[in-house]
Protein backbone atom coordinates (compact mmCIF):
# COMPACT_ATOMS: atom_id res chain seq x y z
CA MET A 1 -51.02 128.88 -0.42
CA SER A 2 -54.34 130.64 -0.49
CA ALA A 3 -57.41 129.29 -2.23
CA LEU A 4 -56.98 131.94 -4.91
CA ALA A 5 -53.57 130.56 -5.81
CA SER A 6 -55.15 127.49 -7.34
CA ASP A 7 -56.59 129.70 -10.09
CA SER A 8 -54.68 129.63 -13.38
CA ASN A 9 -53.95 133.38 -13.13
CA PHE A 10 -51.74 132.89 -10.08
CA ILE A 11 -48.25 131.44 -10.12
CA ALA A 12 -46.24 130.40 -7.05
CA PHE A 13 -42.46 130.75 -7.11
CA ASN A 14 -39.75 129.58 -4.76
CA ILE A 15 -36.85 132.02 -4.44
CA SER A 16 -34.94 130.22 -1.71
CA SER A 17 -31.51 128.73 -2.22
CA LYS A 18 -30.94 126.10 -4.92
CA ASP A 19 -30.56 123.17 -2.48
CA LYS A 20 -34.02 123.84 -1.11
CA PHE A 21 -35.32 124.15 -4.66
CA GLN A 22 -34.08 120.64 -5.40
CA GLN A 23 -36.45 119.38 -2.68
CA ASN A 24 -39.45 121.23 -4.14
CA GLN A 25 -39.46 120.17 -7.78
CA ASN A 26 -43.08 121.25 -8.31
CA LEU A 27 -42.24 124.95 -7.78
CA LEU A 28 -40.54 127.08 -10.41
CA SER A 29 -37.57 129.26 -9.73
CA LEU A 30 -38.51 132.86 -10.43
CA SER A 31 -35.34 133.45 -12.46
CA GLU A 32 -36.47 130.69 -14.85
CA VAL A 33 -39.62 132.63 -15.69
CA SER A 34 -38.75 136.32 -15.54
CA PRO A 35 -35.57 138.40 -15.83
CA ILE A 36 -36.49 140.21 -12.62
CA GLY A 37 -36.16 136.88 -10.84
CA LYS A 38 -32.37 137.19 -10.89
CA ILE A 39 -32.66 140.22 -8.63
CA TRP A 40 -34.83 138.27 -6.17
CA ASP A 41 -32.35 135.38 -6.26
CA LYS A 42 -29.50 137.78 -5.46
CA HIS A 43 -31.39 139.27 -2.51
CA ARG A 44 -32.29 135.79 -1.23
CA ALA A 45 -28.61 134.74 -1.34
CA ASN A 46 -27.65 137.86 0.63
CA THR A 47 -30.39 137.13 3.15
CA ASP A 48 -29.03 133.61 3.64
CA LYS A 49 -25.59 135.09 4.43
CA VAL A 50 -26.98 137.58 6.96
CA LEU A 51 -29.15 134.99 8.69
CA GLN A 52 -26.07 132.82 9.23
CA TYR A 53 -24.55 135.65 11.30
CA TYR A 54 -27.73 135.93 13.35
CA ALA A 55 -27.92 132.15 13.83
CA LYS A 56 -24.37 132.04 15.26
CA ALA A 57 -25.15 134.67 17.92
CA ASP A 58 -25.55 133.60 21.54
CA GLU A 59 -28.56 135.76 22.31
CA HIS A 60 -31.95 134.11 21.78
CA TYR A 61 -33.55 137.10 20.07
CA PHE A 62 -30.85 137.07 17.35
CA GLN A 63 -31.71 133.44 16.66
CA GLN A 64 -35.35 134.50 16.35
CA TYR A 65 -34.24 137.07 13.76
CA ALA A 66 -32.45 134.27 11.90
CA TRP A 67 -35.62 132.18 11.87
CA ARG A 68 -37.73 135.09 10.64
CA MET A 69 -35.21 135.79 7.87
CA LYS A 70 -35.18 132.12 6.87
CA MET A 71 -38.96 132.25 6.40
CA CYS A 72 -38.83 135.65 4.66
CA SER A 73 -40.26 135.60 1.14
CA GLU A 74 -40.21 131.81 0.94
CA LEU A 75 -43.35 131.81 -1.19
CA LEU A 76 -44.30 134.61 -3.55
CA GLU A 77 -47.61 134.72 -5.40
CA PHE A 78 -47.74 136.55 -8.70
CA GLN A 79 -50.66 137.40 -10.92
CA LEU A 80 -50.46 137.68 -14.69
CA VAL A 81 -51.73 141.13 -15.65
CA PRO A 82 -51.90 142.68 -19.12
CA ASN A 83 -49.41 145.40 -19.94
CA GLU A 84 -51.49 148.04 -21.76
CA SER A 85 -48.64 149.63 -23.70
CA GLU A 86 -47.21 146.41 -25.17
CA GLY A 87 -50.25 144.13 -25.14
CA ILE A 88 -48.42 141.34 -23.31
CA LEU A 89 -48.82 139.74 -19.90
CA LYS A 90 -46.46 140.62 -17.07
CA LEU A 91 -46.03 139.35 -13.52
CA LYS A 92 -47.30 141.45 -10.62
CA LEU A 93 -46.51 140.53 -7.02
CA LEU A 94 -49.81 139.65 -5.37
CA ASP A 95 -48.91 138.15 -1.99
CA ALA A 96 -45.72 137.59 0.00
CA ARG A 97 -44.67 137.30 3.62
CA PHE A 98 -41.65 139.37 4.58
CA CYS A 99 -39.75 139.19 7.88
CA ARG A 100 -39.34 142.94 8.51
CA VAL A 101 -35.98 142.38 10.23
CA ARG A 102 -34.01 145.62 9.98
CA HIS A 103 -30.96 144.19 8.19
CA CYS A 104 -32.77 141.77 5.89
CA PRO A 105 -31.74 142.52 2.28
CA ILE A 106 -35.18 141.61 0.98
């Protein structure tokens, strides 16, 4: 996590599968904080399914795709920003690392 993430305006979320979440109790699941988190959770579950197909392939470069997809969007940094129309704070994606594999659902 970057040095900026230690500021109180930044929140780190883990969107990986639930079993991995059990290991990282200090991180919040995004779906616990925001309704949009359910969409991220759905995409992460689909990514886990696709990476299993890549991991089972014999070719080395497909296994590299599986590894990249496993690391895809593991940590998302959000910033709380004011919503001018409603006067409330909302989450805005600040930093994330995506795999850029063609068939990755995220």
